[in-house]
Amino acid sequence: MNSSIKVLSLARRFNNLLLGGRRNIVTEAKFTIQYPYKLHLIEEKDGPKLDAVLTREEGLKYYTEMQTIRLMERAASALYQEKAIRGFCHLYTGQEGVCVGMSASLKKDDAVITAYRAHGWTYMKGSSVHAILSELVGRKTGVAKGKGGSMHMYGDQFYGGNGIVGAQVPLGAGIALSQKFNNLPNLTVALYGDGAANQGQVFEAYNIAKLWNLPCLFVCENNGYGMGTSIARSSASTSYYTRGDYIPGIWVDGMDVLAVRSATEWAGEYIRSGKGPLVMEAGTYRYSGHSMSDPGTSYRTRSEIQEVRNTRDAISGFKERLISSELATAQELKEIDSQIRKEIEEANHKAKSDPELPVEETFTNVYSSPTPGLEIRGCDNFTTRLALP
């Protein structure tokens, strides 16, 4: 089952359970955006609204999605530590508010391309937890048949998962060019981190996107550190939303799912109206290291990480909002947590027991439509095999 449909079904189930009881329940609430947006080349009156209306069903859905990603990444961490995952593994833990908030305002056929911290976005673009975990452990039931691993996951209108720092940004501009060329009513979200923000190809993509007014939303997920280097040590300007210069920009609190949703909705309306690209900076934070080989504490203190968890965490902050506004009870959120843990445990067990790819699969998917009789070199200069579709 598509992950978004499954989450919506779970949220509606809990919604109907409580509404069917005797307790009076709030079905809608309005919230003020805690940290105002920062704007570049945009008048304040033309920017997003500073309040957001949230229905109970939406609240349960966003909470379920964020918590699913958080617990899925916890399972991925455990798999890596038991050496079931080989190679690189970059966790999205702490940044869930960005992908969930943006996905809430994107259209189904909008394209997304991101860097190698891709598990959360892969889930939000429709892949199941089982398919993601299977990919991580190299099984044929994985998102990319076990061939891509952590950094190379794909889906419908989801172009990865890219391992070269910053390279996905000009690719995103190219996808947006295709959308414009074909007169599609869609946009492309090209995501990158603060570390990649200093790449020359990012600025080349800005230039061509504005020159041709491409429907592209460039999003810098600023988690404060490019590998082990803080933004203060790597960037002369840390206002990444202004880096487009001649492209309008916006800063949003990436730890507030509602702020991200509102900013993305506004950005979508701006881009779809034909005004060209935008640059968005989402201020967020990663709790884990850059990758699983990085403990994440040699360049920052444990107290810094804990302070963010205690004061800015996207999930616990949203949970408090749901409970205080009476959109949800602590008990039903606890039950949602329990259901998610159960589903992830099942997906984890199934992923580890799924079959691996046979050796013959090494020679498939190299070409989309290989010429009949085309041979591919094997592991040495003397071995060849037929290329298979």
Protein backbone atom coordinates (compact mmCIF):
# COMPACT_ATOMS: atom_id res chain seq x y z
CA MET A 1 0.00 0.00 0.00
CA ASN A 2 1.23 3.53 -0.83
CA SER A 3 2.70 5.07 2.33
CA SER A 4 0.62 8.27 2.15
CA ILE A 5 -2.63 6.31 1.76
CA LYS A 6 -1.68 4.07 4.69
CA VAL A 7 -0.91 7.07 6.94
CA LEU A 8 -4.16 8.81 6.00
CA SER A 9 -6.08 5.62 6.73
CA LEU A 10 -4.45 5.35 10.17
CA ALA A 11 -5.14 9.02 10.96
CA ARG A 12 -8.79 8.71 9.91
CA ARG A 13 -9.19 5.58 12.01
CA PHE A 14 -8.09 7.34 15.17
CA ASN A 15 -10.10 10.41 14.17
CA ASN A 16 -13.31 8.40 13.81
CA LEU A 17 -12.68 6.45 17.01
CA LEU A 18 -12.55 9.56 19.16
CA LEU A 19 -15.28 11.46 17.34
CA GLY A 20 -17.49 8.42 17.79
CA GLY A 21 -17.08 8.60 21.56
CA ARG A 22 -18.82 10.81 24.09
CA ARG A 23 -16.00 13.31 24.52
CA ASN A 24 -16.36 16.73 22.87
CA ILE A 25 -13.48 17.11 20.44
CA VAL A 26 -12.11 20.11 18.55
CA THR A 27 -11.99 19.48 14.82
CA GLU A 28 -10.07 22.61 13.81
CA ALA A 29 -7.69 25.10 15.41
CA LYS A 30 -5.69 28.16 14.41
CA PHE A 31 -2.01 28.58 15.29
CA THR A 32 0.40 31.49 15.06
CA ILE A 33 3.72 30.88 13.33
CA GLN A 34 6.24 31.23 16.17
CA TYR A 35 9.25 32.39 14.17
CA PRO A 36 8.28 34.89 11.43
CA TYR A 37 9.45 34.30 7.90
CA LYS A 38 12.44 36.22 6.58
CA LEU A 39 12.00 37.53 3.05
CA HIS A 40 14.36 38.51 0.25
CA LEU A 41 13.10 40.68 -2.65
CA ILE A 42 9.55 40.16 -1.39
CA GLU A 43 7.39 42.66 0.47
CA GLU A 44 6.08 41.46 3.83
CA LYS A 45 2.49 42.02 2.70
CA ASP A 46 3.09 39.67 -0.22
CA GLY A 47 4.60 36.86 1.85
CA PRO A 48 2.94 33.90 3.61
CA LYS A 49 0.43 34.43 6.39
CA LEU A 50 1.64 34.28 9.98
CA ASP A 51 -1.18 32.02 11.12
CA ALA A 52 -2.22 28.54 10.06
CA VAL A 53 -5.48 26.63 10.34
CA LEU A 54 -5.13 22.94 11.12
CA THR A 55 -7.85 20.30 11.08
CA ARG A 56 -7.77 17.35 13.43
CA GLU A 57 -7.37 14.89 10.54
CA GLU A 58 -4.44 16.88 9.13
CA GLY A 59 -2.83 17.04 12.56
CA LEU A 60 -3.01 13.29 13.10
CA LYS A 61 -1.70 12.70 9.57
CA TYR A 62 1.34 15.00 9.97
CA TYR A 63 2.12 13.57 13.40
CA THR A 64 1.93 10.01 12.08
CA GLU A 65 4.17 10.81 9.11
CA MET A 66 6.84 12.56 11.19
CA GLN A 67 6.85 9.86 13.85
CA THR A 68 7.02 7.12 11.21
CA ILE A 69 10.12 8.70 9.67
CA ARG A 70 11.70 9.20 13.11
CA LEU A 71 11.17 5.57 14.14
CA MET A 72 12.11 4.25 10.70
CA GLU A 73 15.45 6.04 10.99
CA ARG A 74 15.92 4.55 14.45
CA ALA A 75 15.43 1.12 12.90
CA ALA A 76 17.93 2.00 10.15
CA SER A 77 20.47 3.02 12.77
CA ALA A 78 20.07 -0.34 14.53
CA LEU A 79 20.44 -2.21 11.25
CA TYR A 80 23.67 -0.38 10.51
CA GLN A 81 25.06 -1.09 13.95
CA GLU A 82 24.39 -4.82 13.54
CA LYS A 83 26.14 -4.59 10.12
CA ALA A 84 23.04 -5.48 8.14
CA ILE A 85 23.53 -2.21 6.23
CA ARG A 86 26.80 -1.80 4.36
CA GLY A 87 28.29 1.36 2.89
CA PHE A 88 27.01 4.85 3.57
CA CYS A 89 23.91 5.64 5.61
CA HIS A 90 22.75 9.21 6.26
CA LEU A 91 19.86 9.60 8.71
CA TYR A 92 17.14 12.28 8.49
CA THR A 93 16.43 12.26 12.23
CA GLY A 94 15.45 15.76 13.40
CA GLN A 95 14.57 17.13 9.97
CA GLU A 96 11.15 15.46 9.61
CA GLY A 97 9.23 18.73 9.76
CA VAL A 98 10.70 19.81 6.42
CA CYS A 99 9.67 16.89 4.22
CA VAL A 100 6.28 16.43 5.93
CA GLY A 101 5.44 20.14 5.89
CA MET A 102 6.46 20.58 2.26
CA SER A 103 4.69 17.43 1.10
CA ALA A 104 1.46 18.70 2.66
CA SER A 105 1.41 21.56 0.12
CA LEU A 106 2.92 19.91 -2.95
CA LYS A 107 0.80 18.36 -5.68
CA LYS A 108 1.06 14.66 -6.48
CA ASP A 109 2.85 15.22 -9.79
CA ASP A 110 5.29 17.83 -8.50
CA ALA A 111 8.84 16.53 -8.80
CA VAL A 112 11.35 16.23 -5.96
CA ILE A 113 15.09 15.69 -6.15
CA THR A 114 17.32 15.70 -3.10
CA ALA A 115 20.78 14.83 -1.80
CA TYR A 116 21.88 11.61 -0.09
CA ARG A 117 19.95 12.21 3.17
CA ALA A 118 16.94 10.86 1.37
CA HIS A 119 15.04 8.33 3.51
CA GLY A 120 12.41 10.79 4.76
CA TRP A 121 11.71 12.18 1.31
CA THR A 122 11.57 8.69 -0.18
CA TYR A 123 8.85 7.81 2.32
CA MET A 124 6.91 11.02 1.66
CA LYS A 125 6.98 10.40 -2.09
CA GLY A 126 5.11 7.13 -1.62
CA SER A 127 7.57 4.35 -0.82
CA SER A 128 6.72 2.07 2.10
CA VAL A 129 8.85 1.61 5.21
CA HIS A 130 9.39 -2.00 4.14
CA ALA A 131 10.67 -1.00 0.68
CA ILE A 132 13.04 1.56 2.21
CA LEU A 133 14.46 -0.80 4.84
CA SER A 134 14.74 -3.54 2.22
CA GLU A 135 16.76 -1.20 0.03
CA LEU A 136 19.05 -0.39 2.94
CA VAL A 137 19.83 -4.07 3.51
CA GLY A 138 20.22 -4.84 -0.20
CA ARG A 139 17.12 -6.93 -0.85
CA LYS A 140 15.29 -7.34 -4.15
CA THR A 141 12.10 -5.93 -2.58
CA GLY A 142 13.85 -2.60 -2.02
CA VAL A 143 12.96 0.70 -3.65
CA ALA A 144 15.74 0.21 -6.22
CA LYS A 145 15.85 -3.63 -6.05
CA GLY A 146 18.61 -3.39 -3.44
CA LYS A 147 21.03 -1.82 -5.93
CA GLY A 148 20.96 1.77 -4.73
CA GLY A 149 21.24 1.60 -0.96
CA SER A 150 20.85 4.60 1.31
CA MET A 151 21.83 7.29 -1.18
CA HIS A 152 20.03 6.14 -4.33
CA MET A 153 16.30 5.69 -3.79
CA TYR A 154 13.73 6.67 -6.39
CA GLY A 155 9.98 6.74 -6.93
CA ASP A 156 7.16 8.34 -8.89
CA GLN A 157 8.28 11.94 -9.56
CA PHE A 158 11.10 11.38 -7.08
CA TYR A 159 14.53 11.58 -8.69
CA GLY A 160 16.67 10.56 -5.72
CA GLY A 161 18.79 10.34 -3.65
CA ASN A 162 22.05 11.71 -5.23
CA GLY A 163 25.55 11.00 -3.96
CA ILE A 164 27.47 13.89 -5.55
CA VAL A 165 27.36 16.98 -3.34
CA GLY A 166 25.18 19.64 -4.97
CA ALA A 167 24.83 17.80 -8.30
CA GLN A 168 21.08 17.34 -7.82
CA VAL A 169 20.48 21.10 -8.00
CA PRO A 170 21.19 21.59 -11.73
CA LEU A 171 19.40 18.28 -12.37
CA GLY A 172 16.39 19.78 -10.62
CA ALA A 173 16.57 22.81 -12.89
CA GLY A 174 16.58 20.40 -15.83
CA ILE A 175 13.44 18.65 -14.55
CA ALA A 176 11.78 22.05 -14.18
CA LEU A 177 12.79 22.89 -17.76
CA SER A 178 11.06 19.71 -18.91
CA GLN A 179 7.91 20.71 -17.02
CA LYS A 180 7.91 24.15 -18.64
CA PHE A 181 8.70 22.79 -22.10
CA ASN A 182 5.77 20.37 -21.85
CA ASN A 183 3.41 23.04 -20.41
CA LEU A 184 2.83 21.02 -17.24
CA PRO A 185 1.17 22.71 -14.23
CA ASN A 186 3.83 21.36 -11.90
CA LEU A 187 7.01 22.48 -10.19
CA THR A 188 10.25 20.87 -9.11
CA VAL A 189 11.69 20.96 -5.59
CA ALA A 190 15.49 20.76 -5.65
CA LEU A 191 16.85 20.20 -2.14
CA TYR A 192 20.41 20.55 -0.89
CA GLY A 193 22.19 21.16 2.41
CA ASP A 194 24.11 24.13 3.77
CA GLY A 195 27.33 22.32 2.89
CA ALA A 196 26.35 22.07 -0.78
CA ALA A 197 25.14 25.68 -0.83
CA ASN A 198 28.68 26.87 -1.64
CA GLN A 199 28.97 24.67 -4.74
CA GLY A 200 29.46 26.58 -7.98
CA GLN A 201 26.93 24.44 -9.82
CA VAL A 202 24.22 25.65 -7.41
CA PHE A 203 24.75 29.24 -8.59
CA GLU A 204 24.87 28.12 -12.23
CA ALA A 205 21.47 26.48 -11.69
CA TYR A 206 20.14 29.68 -10.09
CA ASN A 207 21.24 31.65 -13.13
CA ILE A 208 19.67 29.49 -15.82
CA ALA A 209 16.50 28.96 -13.76
CA LYS A 210 15.94 32.70 -13.46
CA LEU A 211 17.02 33.43 -17.03
CA TRP A 212 14.36 31.03 -18.31
CA ASN A 213 11.91 31.53 -15.39
CA LEU A 214 11.78 27.82 -14.63
CA PRO A 215 9.18 26.45 -12.15
CA CYS A 216 11.83 25.43 -9.60
CA LEU A 217 11.84 25.76 -5.82
CA PHE A 218 15.43 25.58 -4.58
CA VAL A 219 15.39 24.45 -0.94
CA CYS A 220 18.39 24.63 1.38
CA GLU A 221 17.84 22.30 4.34
CA ASN A 222 20.16 24.15 6.69
CA ASN A 223 20.89 21.78 9.57
CA GLY A 224 23.82 23.86 10.78
CA TYR A 225 26.68 21.58 9.76
CA GLY A 226 28.21 20.49 6.46
CA MET A 227 29.67 17.17 7.58
CA GLY A 228 31.64 18.38 10.62
CA THR A 229 31.94 22.06 9.67
CA SER A 230 29.55 24.64 11.12
CA ILE A 231 27.99 27.18 8.78
CA ALA A 232 29.89 29.99 10.56
CA ARG A 233 33.18 28.39 9.52
CA SER A 234 32.20 27.57 5.92
CA SER A 235 30.03 30.42 4.66
CA ALA A 236 30.73 34.14 4.37
CA SER A 237 26.96 34.62 4.26
CA THR A 238 24.78 32.25 6.26
CA SER A 239 21.54 33.80 4.98
CA TYR A 240 21.10 31.08 2.40
CA TYR A 241 17.66 32.32 1.36
CA THR A 242 19.33 35.46 -0.06
CA ARG A 243 21.99 33.54 -1.99
CA GLY A 244 19.92 33.58 -5.18
CA ASP A 245 20.66 37.32 -5.39
CA TYR A 246 18.21 38.17 -8.21
CA ILE A 247 15.90 35.29 -7.19
CA PRO A 248 13.41 36.04 -4.39
CA GLY A 249 13.90 34.01 -1.24
CA ILE A 250 12.31 33.03 2.06
CA TRP A 251 13.56 31.65 5.37
CA VAL A 252 11.25 29.33 7.29
CA ASP A 253 11.56 27.50 10.61
CA GLY A 254 12.05 23.93 9.44
CA MET A 255 11.24 22.63 12.92
CA ASP A 256 7.65 23.91 12.58
CA VAL A 257 5.69 21.68 10.23
CA LEU A 258 2.88 24.23 9.91
CA ALA A 259 5.26 27.05 9.03
CA VAL A 260 6.86 24.86 6.36
CA ARG A 261 3.45 23.90 5.00
CA SER A 262 2.33 27.53 4.73
CA ALA A 263 5.62 28.68 3.18
CA THR A 264 5.48 25.88 0.60
CA GLU A 265 1.85 26.63 -0.25
CA TRP A 266 2.76 30.28 -0.81
CA ALA A 267 5.86 29.35 -2.84
CA GLY A 268 3.82 26.99 -4.99
CA GLU A 269 1.31 29.71 -5.84
CA TYR A 270 4.14 32.11 -6.69
CA ILE A 271 5.96 29.65 -8.97
CA ARG A 272 2.84 28.26 -10.66
CA SER A 273 1.77 31.80 -11.58
CA GLY A 274 4.76 31.96 -13.94
CA LYS A 275 6.98 34.27 -11.88
CA GLY A 276 9.94 31.90 -11.99
CA PRO A 277 12.06 30.24 -9.30
CA LEU A 278 12.34 30.82 -5.57
CA VAL A 279 15.00 30.01 -2.99
CA MET A 280 13.80 28.67 0.36
CA GLU A 281 15.96 28.08 3.42
CA ALA A 282 14.54 25.74 6.05
CA GLY A 283 16.30 26.14 9.38
CA THR A 284 16.48 22.63 10.82
CA TYR A 285 18.81 20.32 12.77
CA ARG A 286 20.10 16.77 12.54
CA TYR A 287 20.45 14.85 15.79
CA SER A 288 22.72 12.15 14.41
CA GLY A 289 26.13 12.56 12.86
CA HIS A 290 26.64 13.40 9.20
CA SER A 291 26.65 9.68 8.47
CA MET A 292 26.66 6.59 10.64
CA SER A 293 30.47 6.67 10.81
CA ASP A 294 30.31 10.13 12.43
CA PRO A 295 29.40 10.21 16.15
CA GLY A 296 28.36 13.84 15.69
CA THR A 297 29.90 15.06 18.94
CA SER A 298 33.46 16.03 17.95
CA TYR A 299 32.39 19.37 16.47
CA ARG A 300 29.39 20.14 18.71
CA THR A 301 28.48 19.39 22.30
CA ARG A 302 25.97 16.88 23.54
CA SER A 303 24.30 19.69 25.47
CA GLU A 304 23.69 21.57 22.19
CA ILE A 305 21.96 18.55 20.70
CA GLN A 306 19.89 18.01 23.83
CA GLU A 307 18.85 21.66 23.97
CA VAL A 308 17.47 21.46 20.43
CA ARG A 309 15.62 18.26 21.32
CA ASN A 310 14.11 19.93 24.37
CA THR A 311 13.19 23.29 22.83
CA ARG A 312 12.79 22.94 19.06
CA ASP A 313 12.01 19.33 18.20
CA ALA A 314 9.52 19.21 15.33
CA ILE A 315 7.59 16.21 16.64
CA SER A 316 7.37 16.95 20.36
CA GLY A 317 6.52 20.61 19.63
CA PHE A 318 3.74 19.59 17.26
CA LYS A 319 2.51 17.01 19.75
CA GLU A 320 2.16 19.71 22.40
CA ARG A 321 0.18 21.85 19.98
CA LEU A 322 -2.23 19.02 19.19
CA ILE A 323 -2.85 18.26 22.85
CA SER A 324 -3.08 21.86 24.10
CA SER A 325 -5.53 22.79 21.33
CA GLU A 326 -7.57 19.62 22.08
CA LEU A 327 -7.20 18.41 18.50
CA ALA A 328 -5.89 15.16 19.99
CA THR A 329 -5.36 13.49 23.33
CA ALA A 330 -2.09 12.24 24.74
CA GLN A 331 -3.55 8.74 24.91
CA GLU A 332 -4.47 8.51 21.24
CA LEU A 333 -1.06 9.86 20.18
CA LYS A 334 0.48 7.18 22.38
CA GLU A 335 -1.64 4.59 20.59
CA ILE A 336 -0.48 5.94 17.21
CA ASP A 337 3.12 5.61 18.41
CA SER A 338 2.48 2.01 19.41
CA GLN A 339 0.91 1.20 16.04
CA ILE A 340 3.85 2.76 14.15
CA ARG A 341 6.38 0.79 16.22
CA LYS A 342 4.53 -2.41 15.44
CA GLU A 343 4.46 -1.71 11.71
CA ILE A 344 8.14 -0.80 11.62
CA GLU A 345 9.11 -3.92 13.55
CA GLU A 346 7.18 -6.02 11.04
CA ALA A 347 8.76 -4.19 8.08
CA ASN A 348 12.20 -4.57 9.63
CA HIS A 349 11.79 -8.30 10.16
CA LYS A 350 10.42 -8.81 6.65
CA ALA A 351 13.22 -6.75 5.06
CA LYS A 352 15.93 -8.84 6.71
CA SER A 353 14.28 -12.10 5.65
CA ASP A 354 13.59 -11.05 2.03
CA PRO A 355 15.79 -12.62 -0.66
CA GLU A 356 18.89 -10.94 -1.99
CA LEU A 357 19.37 -10.30 -5.71
CA PRO A 358 20.88 -13.13 -7.76
CA VAL A 359 24.27 -12.48 -9.35
CA GLU A 360 22.65 -12.24 -12.79
CA GLU A 361 21.00 -8.96 -11.72
CA THR A 362 24.42 -7.33 -11.84
CA PHE A 363 23.92 -7.00 -15.60
CA THR A 364 20.37 -5.63 -15.58
CA ASN A 365 19.24 -1.99 -15.50
CA VAL A 366 22.54 -0.72 -16.93
CA TYR A 367 20.67 0.40 -20.07
CA SER A 368 16.94 1.02 -20.25
CA SER A 369 16.66 -0.58 -23.71
CA PRO A 370 19.89 -2.43 -24.50
CA THR A 371 20.67 -3.29 -28.11
CA PRO A 372 20.18 -7.03 -28.73
CA GLY A 373 23.48 -8.83 -28.27
CA LEU A 374 25.11 -5.94 -26.37
CA GLU A 375 27.69 -7.26 -23.92
CA ILE A 376 28.85 -5.68 -20.66
CA ARG A 377 32.27 -6.25 -19.18
CA GLY A 378 32.31 -8.16 -15.94
CA CYS A 379 34.70 -7.86 -13.01
CA ASP A 380 37.78 -8.17 -15.22
CA ASN A 381 38.85 -7.50 -18.81
CA PHE A 382 38.17 -11.06 -19.92
CA THR A 383 34.61 -11.64 -18.73
CA THR A 384 31.52 -10.32 -20.51
CA ARG A 385 27.80 -10.85 -20.07
CA LEU A 386 24.77 -9.95 -22.15
CA ALA A 387 23.15 -6.67 -21.08
CA LEU A 388 19.63 -7.27 -19.84
CA PRO A 389 16.79 -4.70 -19.58
